[in-house]
Amino acid sequence: MRRLLVESARRKKRLRDGLGRRLVDLDAAESLELVPDEDLLAIDEALTRLTDLDSAKAEVVKLRFFAGLTMPEIASSLDISLSTTERHWTFARARLYARLSGTNSE
């Protein structure tokens, strides 16, 4: 599911023959918000970095975010305790937040 969403976002992000481009004043450009597709690409990049750091914690995020599983379902699926699953989720969520908000020291 993650791959499908990311590929869809990448496909939409591509611009061909100037379609979808618009003129934006440079002063106003700083106040523009990210569109959901760009957010999804940023999440994918952050999740890839988390996978490199700790694949078990990244797997919890994938199951929670992309598969929509509950914490007990994730614990059962990964054959780990519920408390370990919750610790993994807390760590991963903090790590991803830091990465996405730009406060990460990496």
PDB file of N, CA and C in Angstrom:
ATOM      1  N   MET A   1       0.833  -1.191   0.000  1.00  0.00           N
ATOM      2  CA  MET A   1       0.000   0.000   0.000  1.00  0.00           C
ATOM      3  C   MET A   1       0.872   1.247   0.000  1.00  0.00           C
ATOM      4  N   ARG A   2       1.951   1.211   0.805  1.00  0.00           N
ATOM      5  CA  ARG A   2       2.841   2.363   0.877  1.00  0.00           C
ATOM      6  C   ARG A   2       3.403   2.669  -0.510  1.00  0.00           C
ATOM      7  N   ARG A   3       3.855   1.631  -1.222  1.00  0.00           N
ATOM      8  CA  ARG A   3       4.431   1.832  -2.543  1.00  0.00           C
ATOM      9  C   ARG A   3       3.432   2.450  -3.512  1.00  0.00           C
ATOM     10  N   LEU A   4       2.188   1.987  -3.455  1.00  0.00           N
ATOM     11  CA  LEU A   4       1.161   2.532  -4.332  1.00  0.00           C
ATOM     12  C   LEU A   4       0.915   4.005  -4.071  1.00  0.00           C
ATOM     13  N   LEU A   5       0.805   4.377  -2.798  1.00  0.00           N
ATOM     14  CA  LEU A   5       0.563   5.771  -2.443  1.00  0.00           C
ATOM     15  C   LEU A   5       1.733   6.663  -2.851  1.00  0.00           C
ATOM     16  N   VAL A   6       2.955   6.183  -2.601  1.00  0.00           N
ATOM     17  CA  VAL A   6       4.131   6.975  -2.929  1.00  0.00           C
ATOM     18  C   VAL A   6       4.271   7.132  -4.441  1.00  0.00           C
ATOM     19  N   GLU A   7       4.075   6.057  -5.192  1.00  0.00           N
ATOM     20  CA  GLU A   7       4.170   6.157  -6.644  1.00  0.00           C
ATOM     21  C   GLU A   7       3.097   7.082  -7.217  1.00  0.00           C
ATOM     22  N   SER A   8       1.911   7.041  -6.655  1.00  0.00           N
ATOM     23  CA  SER A   8       0.850   7.941  -7.093  1.00  0.00           C
ATOM     24  C   SER A   8       1.243   9.391  -6.826  1.00  0.00           C
ATOM     25  N   ALA A   9       1.814   9.651  -5.662  1.00  0.00           N
ATOM     26  CA  ALA A   9       2.240  11.013  -5.320  1.00  0.00           C
ATOM     27  C   ALA A   9       3.358  11.473  -6.245  1.00  0.00           C
ATOM     28  N   ARG A  10       4.302  10.580  -6.521  1.00  0.00           N
ATOM     29  CA  ARG A  10       5.396  10.939  -7.433  1.00  0.00           C
ATOM     30  C   ARG A  10       4.876  11.233  -8.836  1.00  0.00           C
ATOM     31  N   ARG A  11       3.935  10.422  -9.278  1.00  0.00           N
ATOM     32  CA  ARG A  11       3.374  10.607 -10.617  1.00  0.00           C
ATOM     33  C   ARG A  11       2.662  11.959 -10.704  1.00  0.00           C
ATOM     34  N   LYS A  12       1.930  12.309  -9.670  1.00  0.00           N
ATOM     35  CA  LYS A  12       1.216  13.597  -9.673  1.00  0.00           C
ATOM     36  C   LYS A  12       2.190  14.768  -9.588  1.00  0.00           C
ATOM     37  N   LYS A  13       3.333  14.533  -8.944  1.00  0.00           N
ATOM     38  CA  LYS A  13       4.301  15.602  -8.742  1.00  0.00           C
ATOM     39  C   LYS A  13       5.023  15.970 -10.038  1.00  0.00           C
ATOM     40  N   ARG A  14       5.158  15.007 -10.931  1.00  0.00           N
ATOM     41  CA  ARG A  14       5.833  15.264 -12.205  1.00  0.00           C
ATOM     42  C   ARG A  14       5.051  16.283 -13.028  1.00  0.00           C
ATOM     43  N   LEU A  15       5.770  17.170 -13.599  1.00  0.00           N
ATOM     44  CA  LEU A  15       5.133  18.181 -14.444  1.00  0.00           C
ATOM     45  C   LEU A  15       5.596  17.971 -15.869  1.00  0.00           C
ATOM     46  N   ARG A  16       4.648  17.883 -16.788  1.00  0.00           N
ATOM     47  CA  ARG A  16       4.977  17.706 -18.192  1.00  0.00           C
ATOM     48  C   ARG A  16       4.477  18.913 -18.970  1.00  0.00           C
ATOM     49  N   ASP A  17       5.344  19.440 -19.789  1.00  0.00           N
ATOM     50  CA  ASP A  17       4.987  20.539 -20.683  1.00  0.00           C
ATOM     51  C   ASP A  17       4.384  21.722 -19.940  1.00  0.00           C
ATOM     52  N   GLY A  18       4.811  21.924 -18.696  1.00  0.00           N
ATOM     53  CA  GLY A  18       4.343  23.075 -17.947  1.00  0.00           C
ATOM     54  C   GLY A  18       2.965  22.945 -17.340  1.00  0.00           C
ATOM     55  N   LEU A  19       2.323  21.786 -17.480  1.00  0.00           N
ATOM     56  CA  LEU A  19       0.980  21.622 -16.918  1.00  0.00           C
ATOM     57  C   LEU A  19       1.030  21.688 -15.401  1.00  0.00           C
ATOM     58  N   GLY A  20       0.131  22.401 -14.840  1.00  0.00           N
ATOM     59  CA  GLY A  20       0.050  22.485 -13.393  1.00  0.00           C
ATOM     60  C   GLY A  20       0.966  23.528 -12.774  1.00  0.00           C
ATOM     61  N   ARG A  21       1.816  24.141 -13.564  1.00  0.00           N
ATOM     62  CA  ARG A  21       2.712  25.162 -13.020  1.00  0.00           C
ATOM     63  C   ARG A  21       1.961  26.480 -12.894  1.00  0.00           C
ATOM     64  N   ARG A  22       2.352  27.220 -11.900  1.00  0.00           N
ATOM     65  CA  ARG A  22       1.738  28.527 -11.727  1.00  0.00           C
ATOM     66  C   ARG A  22       2.783  29.501 -11.229  1.00  0.00           C
ATOM     67  N   LEU A  23       2.595  30.750 -11.541  1.00  0.00           N
ATOM     68  CA  LEU A  23       3.500  31.801 -11.126  1.00  0.00           C
ATOM     69  C   LEU A  23       3.210  32.155  -9.674  1.00  0.00           C
ATOM     70  N   VAL A  24       4.260  32.223  -8.877  1.00  0.00           N
ATOM     71  CA  VAL A  24       4.102  32.551  -7.465  1.00  0.00           C
ATOM     72  C   VAL A  24       5.112  33.631  -7.116  1.00  0.00           C
ATOM     73  N   ASP A  25       4.642  34.651  -6.447  1.00  0.00           N
ATOM     74  CA  ASP A  25       5.518  35.711  -5.975  1.00  0.00           C
ATOM     75  C   ASP A  25       6.492  35.116  -4.956  1.00  0.00           C
ATOM     76  N   LEU A  26       7.776  35.444  -5.070  1.00  0.00           N
ATOM     77  CA  LEU A  26       8.763  34.864  -4.163  1.00  0.00           C
ATOM     78  C   LEU A  26       8.497  35.203  -2.710  1.00  0.00           C
ATOM     79  N   ASP A  27       7.981  36.388  -2.441  1.00  0.00           N
ATOM     80  CA  ASP A  27       7.663  36.759  -1.063  1.00  0.00           C
ATOM     81  C   ASP A  27       6.538  35.899  -0.508  1.00  0.00           C
ATOM     82  N   ALA A  28       5.597  35.538  -1.356  1.00  0.00           N
ATOM     83  CA  ALA A  28       4.464  34.716  -0.924  1.00  0.00           C
ATOM     84  C   ALA A  28       4.817  33.237  -0.867  1.00  0.00           C
ATOM     85  N   ALA A  29       5.881  32.844  -1.540  1.00  0.00           N
ATOM     86  CA  ALA A  29       6.240  31.427  -1.621  1.00  0.00           C
ATOM     87  C   ALA A  29       6.571  30.838  -0.258  1.00  0.00           C
ATOM     88  N   GLU A  30       7.116  31.639   0.652  1.00  0.00           N
ATOM     89  CA  GLU A  30       7.459  31.123   1.974  1.00  0.00           C
ATOM     90  C   GLU A  30       6.237  30.702   2.767  1.00  0.00           C
ATOM     91  N   SER A  31       5.098  31.283   2.487  1.00  0.00           N
ATOM     92  CA  SER A  31       3.899  30.983   3.260  1.00  0.00           C
ATOM     93  C   SER A  31       3.065  29.843   2.660  1.00  0.00           C
ATOM     94  N   LEU A  32       3.513  29.270   1.527  1.00  0.00           N
ATOM     95  CA  LEU A  32       2.752  28.183   0.917  1.00  0.00           C
ATOM     96  C   LEU A  32       2.856  26.921   1.756  1.00  0.00           C
ATOM     97  N   GLU A  33       1.751  26.215   1.860  1.00  0.00           N
ATOM     98  CA  GLU A  33       1.742  24.954   2.593  1.00  0.00           C
ATOM     99  C   GLU A  33       2.058  23.815   1.642  1.00  0.00           C
ATOM    100  N   LEU A  34       2.596  22.717   2.217  1.00  0.00           N
ATOM    101  CA  LEU A  34       2.847  21.529   1.405  1.00  0.00           C
ATOM    102  C   LEU A  34       1.534  20.874   1.034  1.00  0.00           C
ATOM    103  N   VAL A  35       1.456  20.397  -0.177  1.00  0.00           N
ATOM    104  CA  VAL A  35       0.271  19.645  -0.585  1.00  0.00           C
ATOM    105  C   VAL A  35       0.411  18.227  -0.050  1.00  0.00           C
ATOM    106  N   PRO A  36      -0.686  17.514   0.094  1.00  0.00           N
ATOM    107  CA  PRO A  36      -0.631  16.165   0.657  1.00  0.00           C
ATOM    108  C   PRO A  36       0.335  15.225  -0.055  1.00  0.00           C
ATOM    109  N   ASP A  37       0.472  15.322  -1.387  1.00  0.00           N
ATOM    110  CA  ASP A  37       1.401  14.455  -2.094  1.00  0.00           C
ATOM    111  C   ASP A  37       2.835  14.705  -1.650  1.00  0.00           C
ATOM    112  N   GLU A  38       3.190  15.952  -1.458  1.00  0.00           N
ATOM    113  CA  GLU A  38       4.535  16.273  -0.994  1.00  0.00           C
ATOM    114  C   GLU A  38       4.733  15.779   0.436  1.00  0.00           C
ATOM    115  N   ASP A  39       3.679  15.872   1.239  1.00  0.00           N
ATOM    116  CA  ASP A  39       3.754  15.338   2.594  1.00  0.00           C
ATOM    117  C   ASP A  39       4.005  13.836   2.559  1.00  0.00           C
ATOM    118  N   LEU A  40       3.323  13.162   1.674  1.00  0.00           N
ATOM    119  CA  LEU A  40       3.476  11.716   1.562  1.00  0.00           C
ATOM    120  C   LEU A  40       4.891  11.352   1.143  1.00  0.00           C
ATOM    121  N   LEU A  41       5.463  12.112   0.223  1.00  0.00           N
ATOM    122  CA  LEU A  41       6.844  11.854  -0.184  1.00  0.00           C
ATOM    123  C   LEU A  41       7.814  12.115   0.961  1.00  0.00           C
ATOM    124  N   ALA A  42       7.557  13.142   1.751  1.00  0.00           N
ATOM    125  CA  ALA A  42       8.404  13.429   2.908  1.00  0.00           C
ATOM    126  C   ALA A  42       8.285  12.312   3.945  1.00  0.00           C
ATOM    127  N   ILE A  43       7.079  11.810   4.148  1.00  0.00           N
ATOM    128  CA  ILE A  43       6.882  10.701   5.083  1.00  0.00           C
ATOM    129  C   ILE A  43       7.622   9.467   4.585  1.00  0.00           C
ATOM    130  N   ASP A  44       7.550   9.206   3.290  1.00  0.00           N
ATOM    131  CA  ASP A  44       8.252   8.054   2.734  1.00  0.00           C
ATOM    132  C   ASP A  44       9.755   8.166   2.955  1.00  0.00           C
ATOM    133  N   GLU A  45      10.306   9.334   2.719  1.00  0.00           N
ATOM    134  CA  GLU A  45      11.743   9.527   2.923  1.00  0.00           C
ATOM    135  C   GLU A  45      12.115   9.345   4.394  1.00  0.00           C
ATOM    136  N   ALA A  46      11.315   9.931   5.293  1.00  0.00           N
ATOM    137  CA  ALA A  46      11.589   9.802   6.724  1.00  0.00           C
ATOM    138  C   ALA A  46      11.463   8.350   7.172  1.00  0.00           C
ATOM    139  N   LEU A  47      10.482   7.651   6.624  1.00  0.00           N
ATOM    140  CA  LEU A  47      10.291   6.246   6.975  1.00  0.00           C
ATOM    141  C   LEU A  47      11.431   5.380   6.439  1.00  0.00           C
ATOM    142  N   THR A  48      11.943   5.716   5.278  1.00  0.00           N
ATOM    143  CA  THR A  48      13.099   4.998   4.740  1.00  0.00           C
ATOM    144  C   THR A  48      14.315   5.184   5.641  1.00  0.00           C
ATOM    145  N   ARG A  49      14.517   6.393   6.115  1.00  0.00           N
ATOM    146  CA  ARG A  49      15.637   6.652   7.043  1.00  0.00           C
ATOM    147  C   ARG A  49      15.435   5.916   8.371  1.00  0.00           C
ATOM    148  N   LEU A  50      14.192   5.873   8.839  1.00  0.00           N
ATOM    149  CA  LEU A  50      13.910   5.130  10.069  1.00  0.00           C
ATOM    150  C   LEU A  50      14.163   3.640   9.868  1.00  0.00           C
ATOM    151  N   THR A  51      13.838   3.118   8.698  1.00  0.00           N
ATOM    152  CA  THR A  51      14.094   1.711   8.393  1.00  0.00           C
ATOM    153  C   THR A  51      15.585   1.419   8.451  1.00  0.00           C
ATOM    154  N   ASP A  52      16.394   2.341   7.947  1.00  0.00           N
ATOM    155  CA  ASP A  52      17.844   2.173   8.013  1.00  0.00           C
ATOM    156  C   ASP A  52      18.332   2.172   9.459  1.00  0.00           C
ATOM    157  N   LEU A  53      17.701   2.974  10.291  1.00  0.00           N
ATOM    158  CA  LEU A  53      18.081   3.078  11.699  1.00  0.00           C
ATOM    159  C   LEU A  53      17.594   1.876  12.502  1.00  0.00           C
ATOM    160  N   ASP A  54      16.317   1.534  12.357  1.00  0.00           N
ATOM    161  CA  ASP A  54      15.730   0.426  13.121  1.00  0.00           C
ATOM    162  C   ASP A  54      14.509  -0.106  12.375  1.00  0.00           C
ATOM    163  N   SER A  55      14.689  -1.220  11.723  1.00  0.00           N
ATOM    164  CA  SER A  55      13.622  -1.757  10.872  1.00  0.00           C
ATOM    165  C   SER A  55      12.408  -2.233  11.671  1.00  0.00           C
ATOM    166  N   ALA A  56      12.605  -2.684  12.905  1.00  0.00           N
ATOM    167  CA  ALA A  56      11.471  -3.147  13.716  1.00  0.00           C
ATOM    168  C   ALA A  56      10.528  -1.994  14.037  1.00  0.00           C
ATOM    169  N   LYS A  57      11.088  -0.861  14.376  1.00  0.00           N
ATOM    170  CA  LYS A  57      10.260   0.306  14.691  1.00  0.00           C
ATOM    171  C   LYS A  57       9.566   0.836  13.437  1.00  0.00           C
ATOM    172  N   ALA A  58      10.273   0.782  12.317  1.00  0.00           N
ATOM    173  CA  ALA A  58       9.672   1.218  11.060  1.00  0.00           C
ATOM    174  C   ALA A  58       8.518   0.303  10.663  1.00  0.00           C
ATOM    175  N   GLU A  59       8.640  -0.977  10.947  1.00  0.00           N
ATOM    176  CA  GLU A  59       7.571  -1.926  10.629  1.00  0.00           C
ATOM    177  C   GLU A  59       6.305  -1.609  11.429  1.00  0.00           C
ATOM    178  N   VAL A  60       6.474  -1.197  12.682  1.00  0.00           N
ATOM    179  CA  VAL A  60       5.326  -0.803  13.500  1.00  0.00           C
ATOM    180  C   VAL A  60       4.618   0.390  12.854  1.00  0.00           C
ATOM    181  N   VAL A  61       5.388   1.363  12.382  1.00  0.00           N
ATOM    182  CA  VAL A  61       4.801   2.542  11.735  1.00  0.00           C
ATOM    183  C   VAL A  61       4.046   2.136  10.473  1.00  0.00           C
ATOM    184  N   LYS A  62       4.647   1.274   9.667  1.00  0.00           N
ATOM    185  CA  LYS A  62       4.003   0.837   8.426  1.00  0.00           C
ATOM    186  C   LYS A  62       2.673   0.145   8.716  1.00  0.00           C
ATOM    187  N   LEU A  63       2.673  -0.735   9.705  1.00  0.00           N
ATOM    188  CA  LEU A  63       1.443  -1.455  10.032  1.00  0.00           C
ATOM    189  C   LEU A  63       0.382  -0.520  10.610  1.00  0.00           C
ATOM    190  N   ARG A  64       0.805   0.434  11.393  1.00  0.00           N
ATOM    191  CA  ARG A  64      -0.131   1.374  12.023  1.00  0.00           C
ATOM    192  C   ARG A  64      -0.652   2.400  11.006  1.00  0.00           C
ATOM    193  N   PHE A  65       0.274   3.001  10.254  1.00  0.00           N
ATOM    194  CA  PHE A  65      -0.081   4.107   9.366  1.00  0.00           C
ATOM    195  C   PHE A  65      -0.694   3.627   8.056  1.00  0.00           C
ATOM    196  N   PHE A  66      -0.081   2.654   7.414  1.00  0.00           N
ATOM    197  CA  PHE A  66      -0.529   2.234   6.094  1.00  0.00           C
ATOM    198  C   PHE A  66      -1.546   1.097   6.125  1.00  0.00           C
ATOM    199  N   ALA A  67      -1.418   0.196   7.099  1.00  0.00           N
ATOM    200  CA  ALA A  67      -2.357  -0.931   7.165  1.00  0.00           C
ATOM    201  C   ALA A  67      -3.521  -0.645   8.111  1.00  0.00           C
ATOM    202  N   GLY A  68      -3.367   0.350   8.988  1.00  0.00           N
ATOM    203  CA  GLY A  68      -4.450   0.725   9.890  1.00  0.00           C
ATOM    204  C   GLY A  68      -4.689  -0.259  11.022  1.00  0.00           C
ATOM    205  N   LEU A  69      -3.659  -1.033  11.380  1.00  0.00           N
ATOM    206  CA  LEU A  69      -3.818  -2.003  12.463  1.00  0.00           C
ATOM    207  C   LEU A  69      -3.786  -1.313  13.820  1.00  0.00           C
ATOM    208  N   THR A  70      -4.423  -1.926  14.800  1.00  0.00           N
ATOM    209  CA  THR A  70      -4.375  -1.431  16.175  1.00  0.00           C
ATOM    210  C   THR A  70      -3.087  -1.916  16.823  1.00  0.00           C
ATOM    211  N   MET A  71      -2.757  -1.359  17.963  1.00  0.00           N
ATOM    212  CA  MET A  71      -1.537  -1.765  18.655  1.00  0.00           C
ATOM    213  C   MET A  71      -1.548  -3.257  19.027  1.00  0.00           C
ATOM    214  N   PRO A  72      -2.655  -3.792  19.571  1.00  0.00           N
ATOM    215  CA  PRO A  72      -2.664  -5.232  19.851  1.00  0.00           C
ATOM    216  C   PRO A  72      -2.508  -6.088  18.586  1.00  0.00           C
ATOM    217  N   GLU A  73      -3.090  -5.643  17.485  1.00  0.00           N
ATOM    218  CA  GLU A  73      -2.949  -6.382  16.223  1.00  0.00           C
ATOM    219  C   GLU A  73      -1.503  -6.364  15.729  1.00  0.00           C
ATOM    220  N   ILE A  74      -0.854  -5.215  15.883  1.00  0.00           N
ATOM    221  CA  ILE A  74       0.549  -5.106  15.479  1.00  0.00           C
ATOM    222  C   ILE A  74       1.418  -6.008  16.337  1.00  0.00           C
ATOM    223  N   ALA A  75       1.184  -5.979  17.661  1.00  0.00           N
ATOM    224  CA  ALA A  75       1.954  -6.828  18.573  1.00  0.00           C
ATOM    225  C   ALA A  75       1.810  -8.294  18.203  1.00  0.00           C
ATOM    226  N   SER A  76       0.598  -8.696  17.909  1.00  0.00           N
ATOM    227  CA  SER A  76       0.345 -10.083  17.528  1.00  0.00           C
ATOM    228  C   SER A  76       1.003 -10.408  16.190  1.00  0.00           C
ATOM    229  N   SER A  77       0.904  -9.508  15.256  1.00  0.00           N
ATOM    230  CA  SER A  77       1.468  -9.716  13.925  1.00  0.00           C
ATOM    231  C   SER A  77       2.990  -9.845  13.962  1.00  0.00           C
ATOM    232  N   LEU A  78       3.636  -9.014  14.775  1.00  0.00           N
ATOM    233  CA  LEU A  78       5.100  -9.023  14.856  1.00  0.00           C
ATOM    234  C   LEU A  78       5.621  -9.981  15.926  1.00  0.00           C
ATOM    235  N   ASP A  79       4.696 -10.594  16.672  1.00  0.00           N
ATOM    236  CA  ASP A  79       5.041 -11.533  17.736  1.00  0.00           C
ATOM    237  C   ASP A  79       5.934 -10.887  18.802  1.00  0.00           C
ATOM    238  N   ILE A  80       5.528  -9.682  19.218  1.00  0.00           N
ATOM    239  CA  ILE A  80       6.193  -8.976  20.307  1.00  0.00           C
ATOM    240  C   ILE A  80       5.128  -8.531  21.293  1.00  0.00           C
ATOM    241  N   SER A  81       5.563  -8.143  22.492  1.00  0.00           N
ATOM    242  CA  SER A  81       4.589  -7.748  23.510  1.00  0.00           C
ATOM    243  C   SER A  81       3.951  -6.411  23.155  1.00  0.00           C
ATOM    244  N   LEU A  82       2.788  -6.172  23.750  1.00  0.00           N
ATOM    245  CA  LEU A  82       2.083  -4.917  23.517  1.00  0.00           C
ATOM    246  C   LEU A  82       2.902  -3.736  24.028  1.00  0.00           C
ATOM    247  N   SER A  83       3.555  -3.889  25.180  1.00  0.00           N
ATOM    248  CA  SER A  83       4.350  -2.778  25.722  1.00  0.00           C
ATOM    249  C   SER A  83       5.544  -2.462  24.822  1.00  0.00           C
ATOM    250  N   THR A  84       6.165  -3.485  24.247  1.00  0.00           N
ATOM    251  CA  THR A  84       7.264  -3.251  23.302  1.00  0.00           C
ATOM    252  C   THR A  84       6.748  -2.552  22.052  1.00  0.00           C
ATOM    253  N   THR A  85       5.600  -2.974  21.574  1.00  0.00           N
ATOM    254  CA  THR A  85       4.989  -2.334  20.409  1.00  0.00           C
ATOM    255  C   THR A  85       4.726  -0.866  20.687  1.00  0.00           C
ATOM    256  N   GLU A  86       4.206  -0.556  21.850  1.00  0.00           N
ATOM    257  CA  GLU A  86       3.916   0.836  22.213  1.00  0.00           C
ATOM    258  C   GLU A  86       5.199   1.649  22.348  1.00  0.00           C
ATOM    259  N   ARG A  87       6.262   1.049  22.898  1.00  0.00           N
ATOM    260  CA  ARG A  87       7.557   1.748  22.969  1.00  0.00           C
ATOM    261  C   ARG A  87       8.106   2.023  21.570  1.00  0.00           C
ATOM    262  N   HIS A  88       8.021   1.021  20.696  1.00  0.00           N
ATOM    263  CA  HIS A  88       8.473   1.211  19.316  1.00  0.00           C
ATOM    264  C   HIS A  88       7.690   2.334  18.649  1.00  0.00           C
ATOM    265  N   TRP A  89       6.378   2.353  18.842  1.00  0.00           N
ATOM    266  CA  TRP A  89       5.523   3.376  18.235  1.00  0.00           C
ATOM    267  C   TRP A  89       5.888   4.767  18.759  1.00  0.00           C
ATOM    268  N   THR A  90       6.085   4.886  20.065  1.00  0.00           N
ATOM    269  CA  THR A  90       6.431   6.170  20.666  1.00  0.00           C
ATOM    270  C   THR A  90       7.762   6.684  20.128  1.00  0.00           C
ATOM    271  N   PHE A  91       8.767   5.806  20.078  1.00  0.00           N
ATOM    272  CA  PHE A  91      10.075   6.192  19.554  1.00  0.00           C
ATOM    273  C   PHE A  91       9.967   6.606  18.088  1.00  0.00           C
ATOM    274  N   ALA A  92       9.329   5.774  17.282  1.00  0.00           N
ATOM    275  CA  ALA A  92       9.232   6.026  15.845  1.00  0.00           C
ATOM    276  C   ALA A  92       8.455   7.306  15.559  1.00  0.00           C
ATOM    277  N   ARG A  93       7.378   7.505  16.287  1.00  0.00           N
ATOM    278  CA  ARG A  93       6.571   8.708  16.083  1.00  0.00           C
ATOM    279  C   ARG A  93       7.383   9.966  16.397  1.00  0.00           C
ATOM    280  N   ALA A  94       8.150   9.936  17.499  1.00  0.00           N
ATOM    281  CA  ALA A  94       8.984  11.081  17.861  1.00  0.00           C
ATOM    282  C   ALA A  94      10.080  11.308  16.824  1.00  0.00           C
ATOM    283  N   ARG A  95      10.675  10.228  16.360  1.00  0.00           N
ATOM    284  CA  ARG A  95      11.742  10.320  15.362  1.00  0.00           C
ATOM    285  C   ARG A  95      11.209  10.885  14.037  1.00  0.00           C
ATOM    286  N   LEU A  96      10.062  10.387  13.610  1.00  0.00           N
ATOM    287  CA  LEU A  96       9.470  10.874  12.367  1.00  0.00           C
ATOM    288  C   LEU A  96       9.037  12.333  12.498  1.00  0.00           C
ATOM    289  N   TYR A  97       8.473  12.690  13.634  1.00  0.00           N
ATOM    290  CA  TYR A  97       8.061  14.083  13.849  1.00  0.00           C
ATOM    291  C   TYR A  97       9.272  15.011  13.760  1.00  0.00           C
ATOM    292  N   ALA A  98      10.362  14.609  14.419  1.00  0.00           N
ATOM    293  CA  ALA A  98      11.578  15.430  14.389  1.00  0.00           C
ATOM    294  C   ALA A  98      12.099  15.564  12.969  1.00  0.00           C
ATOM    295  N   ARG A  99      12.064  14.484  12.226  1.00  0.00           N
ATOM    296  CA  ARG A  99      12.553  14.503  10.843  1.00  0.00           C
ATOM    297  C   ARG A  99      11.662  15.381   9.953  1.00  0.00           C
ATOM    298  N   LEU A 100      10.358  15.247  10.102  1.00  0.00           N
ATOM    299  CA  LEU A 100       9.429  15.987   9.245  1.00  0.00           C
ATOM    300  C   LEU A 100       9.337  17.465   9.616  1.00  0.00           C
ATOM    301  N   SER A 101       9.572  17.791  10.881  1.00  0.00           N
ATOM    302  CA  SER A 101       9.470  19.184  11.301  1.00  0.00           C
ATOM    303  C   SER A 101      10.787  19.931  11.110  1.00  0.00           C
ATOM    304  N   GLY A 102      11.832  19.198  10.752  1.00  0.00           N
ATOM    305  CA  GLY A 102      13.116  19.842  10.520  1.00  0.00           C
ATOM    306  C   GLY A 102      13.932  20.068  11.769  1.00  0.00           C
ATOM    307  N   THR A 103      13.537  19.483  12.898  1.00  0.00           N
ATOM    308  CA  THR A 103      14.277  19.655  14.141  1.00  0.00           C
ATOM    309  C   THR A 103      15.266  18.531  14.370  1.00  0.00           C
ATOM    310  N   ASN A 104      15.379  17.616  13.413  1.00  0.00           N
ATOM    311  CA  ASN A 104      16.293  16.479  13.536  1.00  0.00           C
ATOM    312  C   ASN A 104      17.712  16.968  13.397  1.00  0.00           C
ATOM    313  N   SER A 105      18.630  16.455  14.198  1.00  0.00           N
ATOM    314  CA  SER A 105      20.015  16.904  14.173  1.00  0.00           C
ATOM    315  C   SER A 105      20.860  16.179  13.146  1.00  0.00           C
ATOM    316  N   GLU A 106      20.288  15.249  12.383  1.00  0.00           N
ATOM    317  CA  GLU A 106      21.059  14.497  11.370  1.00  0.00           C
ATOM    318  C   GLU A 106      21.416  15.385  10.214  1.00  0.00           C
TER     319      GLU A 106
END
